[in-house]
Amino acid sequence: MSELIATQKEGVLIIRFTVSRIMSGVDVARIGERLANLAHSEGKKVLLDFANLQQMCSPMLGKILALNKECEQNGITLRLCGMESHIKEVFTTTGLNKLLKIHDTQEEALAAFRKKGWFW
């Protein structure tokens, strides 16, 4: 079973975690590579949906930051959504919420993509 599922909606590539935990270095490496490949596969708008994810290890944060940097370098807008409160708290505590565009729901993120000339 794949840890990620990709769909398209409103011109946005939505990448959704299908696993509830990402805890091992092997998983982080595999998921990080797959995220990067998917982000480059279609379009200029990518939404990473955390709705199913309950736990992740800190190296996964590094992979998400690397993905964000890679997206910025390639003119791809990356947004995140659907985080459990305890995961979102980690992003806030570490200050990553200031570097990444994080939304509570997929609908909010899609609405933000529709706004022209407006960046969070």
PDB file of N, CA and C in Angstrom:
ATOM      1  N   MET A   1       0.832  -1.185   0.000  1.00  0.00           N
ATOM      2  CA  MET A   1       0.000   0.000   0.000  1.00  0.00           C
ATOM      3  C   MET A   1       0.877   1.248   0.000  1.00  0.00           C
ATOM      4  N   SER A   2       0.480   2.225  -0.777  1.00  0.00           N
ATOM      5  CA  SER A   2       1.234   3.458  -0.863  1.00  0.00           C
ATOM      6  C   SER A   2       0.898   4.377   0.312  1.00  0.00           C
ATOM      7  N   GLU A   3       1.894   5.114   0.759  1.00  0.00           N
ATOM      8  CA  GLU A   3       1.692   6.054   1.865  1.00  0.00           C
ATOM      9  C   GLU A   3       1.028   7.338   1.410  1.00  0.00           C
ATOM     10  N   LEU A   4       0.971   7.537   0.090  1.00  0.00           N
ATOM     11  CA  LEU A   4       0.438   8.771  -0.476  1.00  0.00           C
ATOM     12  C   LEU A   4      -0.516   8.469  -1.618  1.00  0.00           C
ATOM     13  N   ILE A   5      -1.537   9.305  -1.733  1.00  0.00           N
ATOM     14  CA  ILE A   5      -2.455   9.234  -2.862  1.00  0.00           C
ATOM     15  C   ILE A   5      -2.516  10.633  -3.463  1.00  0.00           C
ATOM     16  N   ALA A   6      -2.434  10.716  -4.769  1.00  0.00           N
ATOM     17  CA  ALA A   6      -2.491  12.014  -5.453  1.00  0.00           C
ATOM     18  C   ALA A   6      -3.751  12.096  -6.300  1.00  0.00           C
ATOM     19  N   THR A   7      -4.444  13.236  -6.183  1.00  0.00           N
ATOM     20  CA  THR A   7      -5.622  13.515  -6.998  1.00  0.00           C
ATOM     21  C   THR A   7      -5.526  14.953  -7.484  1.00  0.00           C
ATOM     22  N   GLN A   8      -6.359  15.291  -8.437  1.00  0.00           N
ATOM     23  CA  GLN A   8      -6.433  16.662  -8.951  1.00  0.00           C
ATOM     24  C   GLN A   8      -7.794  17.246  -8.615  1.00  0.00           C
ATOM     25  N   LYS A   9      -7.797  18.509  -8.218  1.00  0.00           N
ATOM     26  CA  LYS A   9      -9.053  19.210  -7.980  1.00  0.00           C
ATOM     27  C   LYS A   9      -8.806  20.688  -8.226  1.00  0.00           C
ATOM     28  N   GLU A  10      -9.596  21.282  -9.101  1.00  0.00           N
ATOM     29  CA  GLU A  10      -9.509  22.710  -9.394  1.00  0.00           C
ATOM     30  C   GLU A  10      -8.099  23.127  -9.818  1.00  0.00           C
ATOM     31  N   GLY A  11      -7.423  22.262 -10.563  1.00  0.00           N
ATOM     32  CA  GLY A  11      -6.077  22.574 -11.022  1.00  0.00           C
ATOM     33  C   GLY A  11      -5.004  22.454  -9.959  1.00  0.00           C
ATOM     34  N   VAL A  12      -5.339  21.855  -8.830  1.00  0.00           N
ATOM     35  CA  VAL A  12      -4.393  21.677  -7.726  1.00  0.00           C
ATOM     36  C   VAL A  12      -4.115  20.184  -7.571  1.00  0.00           C
ATOM     37  N   LEU A  13      -2.835  19.842  -7.485  1.00  0.00           N
ATOM     38  CA  LEU A  13      -2.456  18.470  -7.191  1.00  0.00           C
ATOM     39  C   LEU A  13      -2.563  18.285  -5.676  1.00  0.00           C
ATOM     40  N   ILE A  14      -3.467  17.435  -5.243  1.00  0.00           N
ATOM     41  CA  ILE A  14      -3.662  17.171  -3.823  1.00  0.00           C
ATOM     42  C   ILE A  14      -2.973  15.853  -3.487  1.00  0.00           C
ATOM     43  N   ILE A  15      -2.006  15.930  -2.593  1.00  0.00           N
ATOM     44  CA  ILE A  15      -1.284  14.743  -2.137  1.00  0.00           C
ATOM     45  C   ILE A  15      -1.720  14.482  -0.702  1.00  0.00           C
ATOM     46  N   ARG A  16      -2.314  13.313  -0.500  1.00  0.00           N
ATOM     47  CA  ARG A  16      -2.868  12.985   0.812  1.00  0.00           C
ATOM     48  C   ARG A  16      -2.126  11.798   1.414  1.00  0.00           C
ATOM     49  N   PHE A  17      -1.763  11.931   2.683  1.00  0.00           N
ATOM     50  CA  PHE A  17      -1.169  10.813   3.397  1.00  0.00           C
ATOM     51  C   PHE A  17      -2.241   9.758   3.627  1.00  0.00           C
ATOM     52  N   THR A  18      -1.906   8.503   3.389  1.00  0.00           N
ATOM     53  CA  THR A  18      -2.863   7.413   3.636  1.00  0.00           C
ATOM     54  C   THR A  18      -2.490   6.623   4.888  1.00  0.00           C
ATOM     55  N   VAL A  19      -1.340   6.941   5.462  1.00  0.00           N
ATOM     56  CA  VAL A  19      -0.891   6.252   6.678  1.00  0.00           C
ATOM     57  C   VAL A  19      -1.144   7.150   7.890  1.00  0.00           C
ATOM     58  N   SER A  20      -1.221   6.534   9.056  1.00  0.00           N
ATOM     59  CA  SER A  20      -1.446   7.318  10.266  1.00  0.00           C
ATOM     60  C   SER A  20      -0.146   7.663  10.986  1.00  0.00           C
ATOM     61  N   ARG A  21       0.937   6.941  10.640  1.00  0.00           N
ATOM     62  CA  ARG A  21       2.223   7.156  11.321  1.00  0.00           C
ATOM     63  C   ARG A  21       3.369   7.125  10.320  1.00  0.00           C
ATOM     64  N   ILE A  22       4.308   8.047  10.506  1.00  0.00           N
ATOM     65  CA  ILE A  22       5.576   8.015   9.778  1.00  0.00           C
ATOM     66  C   ILE A  22       6.646   8.139  10.848  1.00  0.00           C
ATOM     67  N   MET A  23       7.274   7.022  11.163  1.00  0.00           N
ATOM     68  CA  MET A  23       8.187   7.013  12.298  1.00  0.00           C
ATOM     69  C   MET A  23       9.599   6.514  11.972  1.00  0.00           C
ATOM     70  N   SER A  24       9.769   5.756  10.905  1.00  0.00           N
ATOM     71  CA  SER A  24      11.097   5.191  10.641  1.00  0.00           C
ATOM     72  C   SER A  24      11.833   6.001   9.572  1.00  0.00           C
ATOM     73  N   GLY A  25      13.142   5.957   9.643  1.00  0.00           N
ATOM     74  CA  GLY A  25      13.967   6.641   8.654  1.00  0.00           C
ATOM     75  C   GLY A  25      13.732   6.125   7.249  1.00  0.00           C
ATOM     76  N   VAL A  26      13.476   4.843   7.122  1.00  0.00           N
ATOM     77  CA  VAL A  26      13.199   4.246   5.810  1.00  0.00           C
ATOM     78  C   VAL A  26      11.916   4.839   5.230  1.00  0.00           C
ATOM     79  N   ASP A  27      10.883   4.934   6.068  1.00  0.00           N
ATOM     80  CA  ASP A  27       9.618   5.527   5.620  1.00  0.00           C
ATOM     81  C   ASP A  27       9.810   6.989   5.216  1.00  0.00           C
ATOM     82  N   VAL A  28      10.545   7.735   6.018  1.00  0.00           N
ATOM     83  CA  VAL A  28      10.784   9.155   5.736  1.00  0.00           C
ATOM     84  C   VAL A  28      11.483   9.314   4.391  1.00  0.00           C
ATOM     85  N   ALA A  29      12.509   8.522   4.146  1.00  0.00           N
ATOM     86  CA  ALA A  29      13.246   8.618   2.883  1.00  0.00           C
ATOM     87  C   ALA A  29      12.346   8.280   1.697  1.00  0.00           C
ATOM     88  N   ARG A  30      11.592   7.212   1.801  1.00  0.00           N
ATOM     89  CA  ARG A  30      10.713   6.778   0.712  1.00  0.00           C
ATOM     90  C   ARG A  30       9.609   7.808   0.450  1.00  0.00           C
ATOM     91  N   ILE A  31       8.985   8.278   1.515  1.00  0.00           N
ATOM     92  CA  ILE A  31       7.894   9.255   1.365  1.00  0.00           C
ATOM     93  C   ILE A  31       8.438  10.585   0.848  1.00  0.00           C
ATOM     94  N   GLY A  32       9.585  11.004   1.360  1.00  0.00           N
ATOM     95  CA  GLY A  32      10.188  12.247   0.893  1.00  0.00           C
ATOM     96  C   GLY A  32      10.479  12.227  -0.593  1.00  0.00           C
ATOM     97  N   GLU A  33      11.010  11.114  -1.074  1.00  0.00           N
ATOM     98  CA  GLU A  33      11.297  10.981  -2.507  1.00  0.00           C
ATOM     99  C   GLU A  33      10.017  10.984  -3.325  1.00  0.00           C
ATOM    100  N   ARG A  34       9.025  10.267  -2.846  1.00  0.00           N
ATOM    101  CA  ARG A  34       7.744  10.211  -3.570  1.00  0.00           C
ATOM    102  C   ARG A  34       7.060  11.580  -3.586  1.00  0.00           C
ATOM    103  N   LEU A  35       7.126  12.312  -2.480  1.00  0.00           N
ATOM    104  CA  LEU A  35       6.561  13.666  -2.433  1.00  0.00           C
ATOM    105  C   LEU A  35       7.208  14.558  -3.482  1.00  0.00           C
ATOM    106  N   ALA A  36       8.527  14.530  -3.544  1.00  0.00           N
ATOM    107  CA  ALA A  36       9.251  15.363  -4.510  1.00  0.00           C
ATOM    108  C   ALA A  36       8.869  14.990  -5.936  1.00  0.00           C
ATOM    109  N   ASN A  37       8.789  13.697  -6.223  1.00  0.00           N
ATOM    110  CA  ASN A  37       8.411  13.258  -7.570  1.00  0.00           C
ATOM    111  C   ASN A  37       6.994  13.696  -7.925  1.00  0.00           C
ATOM    112  N   LEU A  38       6.077  13.538  -6.998  1.00  0.00           N
ATOM    113  CA  LEU A  38       4.691  13.939  -7.251  1.00  0.00           C
ATOM    114  C   LEU A  38       4.575  15.444  -7.450  1.00  0.00           C
ATOM    115  N   ALA A  39       5.267  16.213  -6.622  1.00  0.00           N
ATOM    116  CA  ALA A  39       5.173  17.675  -6.705  1.00  0.00           C
ATOM    117  C   ALA A  39       5.623  18.184  -8.061  1.00  0.00           C
ATOM    118  N   HIS A  40       6.564  17.501  -8.668  1.00  0.00           N
ATOM    119  CA  HIS A  40       7.064  17.919  -9.975  1.00  0.00           C
ATOM    120  C   HIS A  40       6.261  17.331 -11.129  1.00  0.00           C
ATOM    121  N   SER A  41       5.320  16.470 -10.837  1.00  0.00           N
ATOM    122  CA  SER A  41       4.638  15.737 -11.900  1.00  0.00           C
ATOM    123  C   SER A  41       3.592  16.557 -12.645  1.00  0.00           C
ATOM    124  N   GLU A  42       2.923  17.464 -11.980  1.00  0.00           N
ATOM    125  CA  GLU A  42       1.829  18.171 -12.638  1.00  0.00           C
ATOM    126  C   GLU A  42       1.622  19.556 -12.040  1.00  0.00           C
ATOM    127  N   GLY A  43       1.513  20.542 -12.907  1.00  0.00           N
ATOM    128  CA  GLY A  43       1.073  21.862 -12.512  1.00  0.00           C
ATOM    129  C   GLY A  43       1.978  22.627 -11.574  1.00  0.00           C
ATOM    130  N   LYS A  44       1.464  23.754 -11.137  1.00  0.00           N
ATOM    131  CA  LYS A  44       2.223  24.679 -10.292  1.00  0.00           C
ATOM    132  C   LYS A  44       1.591  24.876  -8.922  1.00  0.00           C
ATOM    133  N   LYS A  45       0.582  24.058  -8.591  1.00  0.00           N
ATOM    134  CA  LYS A  45      -0.088  24.177  -7.301  1.00  0.00           C
ATOM    135  C   LYS A  45      -0.160  22.799  -6.655  1.00  0.00           C
ATOM    136  N   VAL A  46       0.380  22.693  -5.438  1.00  0.00           N
ATOM    137  CA  VAL A  46       0.396  21.415  -4.734  1.00  0.00           C
ATOM    138  C   VAL A  46      -0.144  21.616  -3.323  1.00  0.00           C
ATOM    139  N   LEU A  47      -1.037  20.737  -2.922  1.00  0.00           N
ATOM    140  CA  LEU A  47      -1.601  20.757  -1.578  1.00  0.00           C
ATOM    141  C   LEU A  47      -1.269  19.438  -0.898  1.00  0.00           C
ATOM    142  N   LEU A  48      -0.598  19.522   0.227  1.00  0.00           N
ATOM    143  CA  LEU A  48      -0.246  18.345   1.015  1.00  0.00           C
ATOM    144  C   LEU A  48      -1.244  18.229   2.160  1.00  0.00           C
ATOM    145  N   ASP A  49      -2.069  17.183   2.119  1.00  0.00           N
ATOM    146  CA  ASP A  49      -3.160  16.999   3.074  1.00  0.00           C
ATOM    147  C   ASP A  49      -2.766  15.988   4.151  1.00  0.00           C
ATOM    148  N   PHE A  50      -2.713  16.445   5.393  1.00  0.00           N
ATOM    149  CA  PHE A  50      -2.291  15.645   6.540  1.00  0.00           C
ATOM    150  C   PHE A  50      -3.462  14.963   7.250  1.00  0.00           C
ATOM    151  N   ALA A  51      -4.667  15.007   6.702  1.00  0.00           N
ATOM    152  CA  ALA A  51      -5.876  14.576   7.413  1.00  0.00           C
ATOM    153  C   ALA A  51      -5.768  13.188   8.042  1.00  0.00           C
ATOM    154  N   ASN A  52      -5.101  12.241   7.413  1.00  0.00           N
ATOM    155  CA  ASN A  52      -5.006  10.882   7.963  1.00  0.00           C
ATOM    156  C   ASN A  52      -3.822  10.688   8.894  1.00  0.00           C
ATOM    157  N   LEU A  53      -2.897  11.620   8.898  1.00  0.00           N
ATOM    158  CA  LEU A  53      -1.645  11.454   9.637  1.00  0.00           C
ATOM    159  C   LEU A  53      -1.826  11.829  11.108  1.00  0.00           C
ATOM    160  N   GLN A  54      -1.513  10.895  11.990  1.00  0.00           N
ATOM    161  CA  GLN A  54      -1.639  11.102  13.431  1.00  0.00           C
ATOM    162  C   GLN A  54      -0.297  11.367  14.102  1.00  0.00           C
ATOM    163  N   GLN A  55       0.781  10.773  13.555  1.00  0.00           N
ATOM    164  CA  GLN A  55       2.116  10.897  14.144  1.00  0.00           C
ATOM    165  C   GLN A  55       3.152  10.934  13.048  1.00  0.00           C
ATOM    166  N   MET A  56       4.200  11.740  13.281  1.00  0.00           N
ATOM    167  CA  MET A  56       5.345  11.707  12.382  1.00  0.00           C
ATOM    168  C   MET A  56       6.589  12.094  13.158  1.00  0.00           C
ATOM    169  N   CYS A  57       7.707  11.559  12.731  1.00  0.00           N
ATOM    170  CA  CYS A  57       8.969  11.840  13.400  1.00  0.00           C
ATOM    171  C   CYS A  57       9.554  13.152  12.875  1.00  0.00           C
ATOM    172  N   SER A  58      10.478  13.711  13.627  1.00  0.00           N
ATOM    173  CA  SER A  58      11.039  15.015  13.265  1.00  0.00           C
ATOM    174  C   SER A  58      11.776  15.022  11.926  1.00  0.00           C
ATOM    175  N   PRO A  59      12.443  13.941  11.495  1.00  0.00           N
ATOM    176  CA  PRO A  59      13.059  14.000  10.165  1.00  0.00           C
ATOM    177  C   PRO A  59      12.053  14.253   9.035  1.00  0.00           C
ATOM    178  N   MET A  60      10.786  13.911   9.262  1.00  0.00           N
ATOM    179  CA  MET A  60       9.768  14.180   8.250  1.00  0.00           C
ATOM    180  C   MET A  60       9.560  15.678   8.086  1.00  0.00           C
ATOM    181  N   LEU A  61       9.719  16.434   9.176  1.00  0.00           N
ATOM    182  CA  LEU A  61       9.647  17.899   9.081  1.00  0.00           C
ATOM    183  C   LEU A  61      10.708  18.411   8.113  1.00  0.00           C
ATOM    184  N   GLY A  62      11.902  17.835   8.204  1.00  0.00           N
ATOM    185  CA  GLY A  62      12.979  18.210   7.292  1.00  0.00           C
ATOM    186  C   GLY A  62      12.628  17.924   5.848  1.00  0.00           C
ATOM    187  N   LYS A  63      11.974  16.806   5.600  1.00  0.00           N
ATOM    188  CA  LYS A  63      11.564  16.462   4.230  1.00  0.00           C
ATOM    189  C   LYS A  63      10.521  17.449   3.712  1.00  0.00           C
ATOM    190  N   ILE A  64       9.626  17.881   4.589  1.00  0.00           N
ATOM    191  CA  ILE A  64       8.598  18.842   4.179  1.00  0.00           C
ATOM    192  C   ILE A  64       9.241  20.195   3.882  1.00  0.00           C
ATOM    193  N   LEU A  65      10.201  20.594   4.690  1.00  0.00           N
ATOM    194  CA  LEU A  65      10.931  21.843   4.427  1.00  0.00           C
ATOM    195  C   LEU A  65      11.707  21.758   3.118  1.00  0.00           C
ATOM    196  N   ALA A  66      12.347  20.630   2.880  1.00  0.00           N
ATOM    197  CA  ALA A  66      13.087  20.441   1.623  1.00  0.00           C
ATOM    198  C   ALA A  66      12.126  20.493   0.434  1.00  0.00           C
ATOM    199  N   LEU A  67      10.956  19.886   0.589  1.00  0.00           N
ATOM    200  CA  LEU A  67       9.943  19.925  -0.474  1.00  0.00           C
ATOM    201  C   LEU A  67       9.508  21.359  -0.731  1.00  0.00           C
ATOM    202  N   ASN A  68       9.288  22.131   0.339  1.00  0.00           N
ATOM    203  CA  ASN A  68       8.889  23.522   0.188  1.00  0.00           C
ATOM    204  C   ASN A  68       9.951  24.316  -0.577  1.00  0.00           C
ATOM    205  N   LYS A  69      11.201  24.130  -0.216  1.00  0.00           N
ATOM    206  CA  LYS A  69      12.298  24.832  -0.881  1.00  0.00           C
ATOM    207  C   LYS A  69      12.377  24.456  -2.358  1.00  0.00           C
ATOM    208  N   GLU A  70      12.246  23.176  -2.629  1.00  0.00           N
ATOM    209  CA  GLU A  70      12.283  22.699  -4.006  1.00  0.00           C
ATOM    210  C   GLU A  70      11.119  23.262  -4.815  1.00  0.00           C
ATOM    211  N   CYS A  71       9.944  23.301  -4.204  1.00  0.00           N
ATOM    212  CA  CYS A  71       8.775  23.874  -4.881  1.00  0.00           C
ATOM    213  C   CYS A  71       9.013  25.350  -5.187  1.00  0.00           C
ATOM    214  N   GLU A  72       9.516  26.100  -4.202  1.00  0.00           N
ATOM    215  CA  GLU A  72       9.789  27.527  -4.422  1.00  0.00           C
ATOM    216  C   GLU A  72      10.765  27.726  -5.568  1.00  0.00           C
ATOM    217  N   GLN A  73      11.801  26.915  -5.630  1.00  0.00           N
ATOM    218  CA  GLN A  73      12.810  27.038  -6.680  1.00  0.00           C
ATOM    219  C   GLN A  73      12.255  26.721  -8.058  1.00  0.00           C
ATOM    220  N   ASN A  74      11.185  25.960  -8.120  1.00  0.00           N
ATOM    221  CA  ASN A  74      10.597  25.564  -9.394  1.00  0.00           C
ATOM    222  C   ASN A  74       9.278  26.265  -9.696  1.00  0.00           C
ATOM    223  N   GLY A  75       8.963  27.322  -8.951  1.00  0.00           N
ATOM    224  CA  GLY A  75       7.748  28.091  -9.206  1.00  0.00           C
ATOM    225  C   GLY A  75       6.464  27.357  -8.873  1.00  0.00           C
ATOM    226  N   ILE A  76       6.543  26.427  -7.938  1.00  0.00           N
ATOM    227  CA  ILE A  76       5.373  25.661  -7.512  1.00  0.00           C
ATOM    228  C   ILE A  76       4.929  26.192  -6.153  1.00  0.00           C
ATOM    229  N   THR A  77       3.635  26.458  -6.024  1.00  0.00           N
ATOM    230  CA  THR A  77       3.088  26.896  -4.747  1.00  0.00           C
ATOM    231  C   THR A  77       2.666  25.677  -3.941  1.00  0.00           C
ATOM    232  N   LEU A  78       3.214  25.556  -2.747  1.00  0.00           N
ATOM    233  CA  LEU A  78       2.894  24.444  -1.860  1.00  0.00           C
ATOM    234  C   LEU A  78       2.094  24.964  -0.681  1.00  0.00           C
ATOM    235  N   ARG A  79       1.006  24.275  -0.384  1.00  0.00           N
ATOM    236  CA  ARG A  79       0.198  24.570   0.795  1.00  0.00           C
ATOM    237  C   ARG A  79      -0.018  23.263   1.549  1.00  0.00           C
ATOM    238  N   LEU A  80      -0.255  23.375   2.849  1.00  0.00           N
ATOM    239  CA  LEU A  80      -0.497  22.219   3.702  1.00  0.00           C
ATOM    240  C   LEU A  80      -1.854  22.392   4.375  1.00  0.00           C
ATOM    241  N   CYS A  81      -2.512  21.275   4.673  1.00  0.00           N
ATOM    242  CA  CYS A  81      -3.809  21.362   5.354  1.00  0.00           C
ATOM    243  C   CYS A  81      -4.091  20.084   6.128  1.00  0.00           C
ATOM    244  N   GLY A  82      -5.140  20.155   6.936  1.00  0.00           N
ATOM    245  CA  GLY A  82      -5.684  18.984   7.606  1.00  0.00           C
ATOM    246  C   GLY A  82      -4.864  18.420   8.744  1.00  0.00           C
ATOM    247  N   MET A  83      -4.057  19.242   9.370  1.00  0.00           N
ATOM    248  CA  MET A  83      -3.199  18.745  10.451  1.00  0.00           C
ATOM    249  C   MET A  83      -3.970  18.580  11.746  1.00  0.00           C
ATOM    250  N   GLU A  84      -3.690  17.480  12.449  1.00  0.00           N
ATOM    251  CA  GLU A  84      -4.184  17.308  13.810  1.00  0.00           C
ATOM    252  C   GLU A  84      -3.583  18.424  14.662  1.00  0.00           C
ATOM    253  N   SER A  85      -4.247  18.810  15.719  1.00  0.00           N
ATOM    254  CA  SER A  85      -3.784  19.936  16.532  1.00  0.00           C
ATOM    255  C   SER A  85      -2.376  19.734  17.077  1.00  0.00           C
ATOM    256  N   HIS A  86      -2.032  18.521  17.493  1.00  0.00           N
ATOM    257  CA  HIS A  86      -0.702  18.285  18.051  1.00  0.00           C
ATOM    258  C   HIS A  86       0.395  18.363  16.984  1.00  0.00           C
ATOM    259  N   ILE A  87       0.076  18.005  15.745  1.00  0.00           N
ATOM    260  CA  ILE A  87       1.054  18.155  14.654  1.00  0.00           C
ATOM    261  C   ILE A  87       1.187  19.626  14.287  1.00  0.00           C
ATOM    262  N   LYS A  88       0.071  20.320  14.209  1.00  0.00           N
ATOM    263  CA  LYS A  88       0.104  21.749  13.893  1.00  0.00           C
ATOM    264  C   LYS A  88       0.882  22.516  14.964  1.00  0.00           C
ATOM    265  N   GLU A  89       0.753  22.095  16.212  1.00  0.00           N
ATOM    266  CA  GLU A  89       1.476  22.734  17.312  1.00  0.00           C
ATOM    267  C   GLU A  89       2.989  22.623  17.119  1.00  0.00           C
ATOM    268  N   VAL A  90       3.450  21.493  16.609  1.00  0.00           N
ATOM    269  CA  VAL A  90       4.882  21.324  16.331  1.00  0.00           C
ATOM    270  C   VAL A  90       5.332  22.341  15.280  1.00  0.00           C
ATOM    271  N   PHE A  91       4.537  22.517  14.235  1.00  0.00           N
ATOM    272  CA  PHE A  91       4.866  23.495  13.197  1.00  0.00           C
ATOM    273  C   PHE A  91       4.886  24.911  13.770  1.00  0.00           C
ATOM    274  N   THR A  92       3.966  25.202  14.682  1.00  0.00           N
ATOM    275  CA  THR A  92       3.896  26.529  15.299  1.00  0.00           C
ATOM    276  C   THR A  92       5.057  26.743  16.268  1.00  0.00           C
ATOM    277  N   THR A  93       5.321  25.763  17.105  1.00  0.00           N
ATOM    278  CA  THR A  93       6.393  25.867  18.101  1.00  0.00           C
ATOM    279  C   THR A  93       7.755  26.052  17.444  1.00  0.00           C
ATOM    280  N   THR A  94       7.978  25.375  16.340  1.00  0.00           N
ATOM    281  CA  THR A  94       9.265  25.458  15.645  1.00  0.00           C
ATOM    282  C   THR A  94       9.359  26.657  14.708  1.00  0.00           C
ATOM    283  N   GLY A  95       8.252  27.372  14.533  1.00  0.00           N
ATOM    284  CA  GLY A  95       8.247  28.525  13.637  1.00  0.00           C
ATOM    285  C   GLY A  95       8.042  28.171  12.171  1.00  0.00           C
ATOM    286  N   LEU A  96       7.812  26.906  11.895  1.00  0.00           N
ATOM    287  CA  LEU A  96       7.619  26.480  10.513  1.00  0.00           C
ATOM    288  C   LEU A  96       6.322  27.025   9.916  1.00  0.00           C
ATOM    289  N   ASN A  97       5.389  27.375  10.779  1.00  0.00           N
ATOM    290  CA  ASN A  97       4.136  27.961  10.293  1.00  0.00           C
ATOM    291  C   ASN A  97       4.372  29.309   9.604  1.00  0.00           C
ATOM    292  N   LYS A  98       5.518  29.942   9.870  1.00  0.00           N
ATOM    293  CA  LYS A  98       5.852  31.211   9.220  1.00  0.00           C
ATOM    294  C   LYS A  98       6.498  30.987   7.856  1.00  0.00           C
ATOM    295  N   LEU A  99       7.046  29.800   7.636  1.00  0.00           N
ATOM    296  CA  LEU A  99       7.686  29.469   6.367  1.00  0.00           C
ATOM    297  C   LEU A  99       6.739  28.766   5.401  1.00  0.00           C
ATOM    298  N   LEU A 100       5.781  28.066   5.956  1.00  0.00           N
ATOM    299  CA  LEU A 100       4.875  27.247   5.155  1.00  0.00           C
ATOM    300  C   LEU A 100       3.466  27.833   5.182  1.00  0.00           C
ATOM    301  N   LYS A 101       2.740  27.626   4.104  1.00  0.00           N
ATOM    302  CA  LYS A 101       1.350  28.073   4.030  1.00  0.00           C
ATOM    303  C   LYS A 101       0.471  26.932   4.543  1.00  0.00           C
ATOM    304  N   ILE A 102      -0.037  27.110   5.771  1.00  0.00           N
ATOM    305  CA  ILE A 102      -0.799  26.053   6.432  1.00  0.00           C
ATOM    306  C   ILE A 102      -2.252  26.507   6.606  1.00  0.00           C
ATOM    307  N   HIS A 103      -3.173  25.615   6.230  1.00  0.00           N
ATOM    308  CA  HIS A 103      -4.605  25.880   6.345  1.00  0.00           C
ATOM    309  C   HIS A 103      -5.250  24.772   7.162  1.00  0.00           C
ATOM    310  N   ASP A 104      -6.353  25.099   7.811  1.00  0.00           N
ATOM    311  CA  ASP A 104      -7.040  24.104   8.629  1.00  0.00           C
ATOM    312  C   ASP A 104      -7.670  23.003   7.777  1.00  0.00           C
ATOM    313  N   THR A 105      -8.326  23.381   6.679  1.00  0.00           N
ATOM    314  CA  THR A 105      -9.048  22.405   5.866  1.00  0.00           C
ATOM    315  C   THR A 105      -8.619  22.464   4.408  1.00  0.00           C
ATOM    316  N   GLN A 106      -8.948  21.408   3.700  1.00  0.00           N
ATOM    317  CA  GLN A 106      -8.672  21.354   2.274  1.00  0.00           C
ATOM    318  C   GLN A 106      -9.446  22.462   1.542  1.00  0.00           C
ATOM    319  N   GLU A 107     -10.667  22.724   1.975  1.00  0.00           N
ATOM    320  CA  GLU A 107     -11.488  23.749   1.342  1.00  0.00           C
ATOM    321  C   GLU A 107     -10.844  25.137   1.491  1.00  0.00           C
ATOM    322  N   GLU A 108     -10.319  25.437   2.671  1.00  0.00           N
ATOM    323  CA  GLU A 108      -9.637  26.720   2.892  1.00  0.00           C
ATOM    324  C   GLU A 108      -8.410  26.851   1.996  1.00  0.00           C
ATOM    325  N   ALA A 109      -7.663  25.783   1.884  1.00  0.00           N
ATOM    326  CA  ALA A 109      -6.455  25.806   1.051  1.00  0.00           C
ATOM    327  C   ALA A 109      -6.813  25.993  -0.416  1.00  0.00           C
ATOM    328  N   LEU A 110      -7.820  25.290  -0.891  1.00  0.00           N
ATOM    329  CA  LEU A 110      -8.242  25.440  -2.283  1.00  0.00           C
ATOM    330  C   LEU A 110      -8.736  26.856  -2.553  1.00  0.00           C
ATOM    331  N   ALA A 111      -9.462  27.440  -1.598  1.00  0.00           N
ATOM    332  CA  ALA A 111      -9.920  28.824  -1.740  1.00  0.00           C
ATOM    333  C   ALA A 111      -8.737  29.780  -1.824  1.00  0.00           C
ATOM    334  N   ALA A 112      -7.696  29.526  -1.033  1.00  0.00           N
ATOM    335  CA  ALA A 112      -6.495  30.365  -1.062  1.00  0.00           C
ATOM    336  C   ALA A 112      -5.793  30.258  -2.408  1.00  0.00           C
ATOM    337  N   PHE A 113      -5.779  29.082  -3.003  1.00  0.00           N
ATOM    338  CA  PHE A 113      -5.194  28.920  -4.333  1.00  0.00           C
ATOM    339  C   PHE A 113      -5.974  29.726  -5.380  1.00  0.00           C
ATOM    340  N   ARG A 114      -7.286  29.849  -5.199  1.00  0.00           N
ATOM    341  CA  ARG A 114      -8.112  30.566  -6.166  1.00  0.00           C
ATOM    342  C   ARG A 114      -7.885  32.070  -6.116  1.00  0.00           C
ATOM    343  N   LYS A 115      -7.435  32.595  -4.988  1.00  0.00           N
ATOM    344  CA  LYS A 115      -7.212  34.038  -4.861  1.00  0.00           C
ATOM    345  C   LYS A 115      -6.022  34.442  -5.707  1.00  0.00           C
ATOM    346  N   LYS A 116      -6.223  35.400  -6.567  1.00  0.00           N
ATOM    347  CA  LYS A 116      -5.128  35.872  -7.435  1.00  0.00           C
ATOM    348  C   LYS A 116      -4.335  36.957  -6.717  1.00  0.00           C
ATOM    349  N   GLY A 117      -3.027  36.807  -6.743  1.00  0.00           N
ATOM    350  CA  GLY A 117      -2.162  37.822  -6.191  1.00  0.00           C
ATOM    351  C   GLY A 117      -2.157  37.885  -4.673  1.00  0.00           C
ATOM    352  N   TRP A 118      -2.713  36.897  -4.011  1.00  0.00           N
ATOM    353  CA  TRP A 118      -2.784  36.910  -2.553  1.00  0.00           C
ATOM    354  C   TRP A 118      -1.988  35.728  -2.020  1.00  0.00           C
ATOM    355  N   PHE A 119      -1.007  36.017  -1.196  1.00  0.00           N
ATOM    356  CA  PHE A 119      -0.181  34.963  -0.618  1.00  0.00           C
ATOM    357  C   PHE A 119      -0.210  35.090   0.886  1.00  0.00           C
ATOM    358  N   TRP A 120      -0.251  33.983   1.584  1.00  0.00           N
ATOM    359  CA  TRP A 120      -0.321  33.964   3.056  1.00  0.00           C
ATOM    360  C   TRP A 120       1.053  33.845   3.607  1.00  0.00           C
TER     361      TRP A 120
END
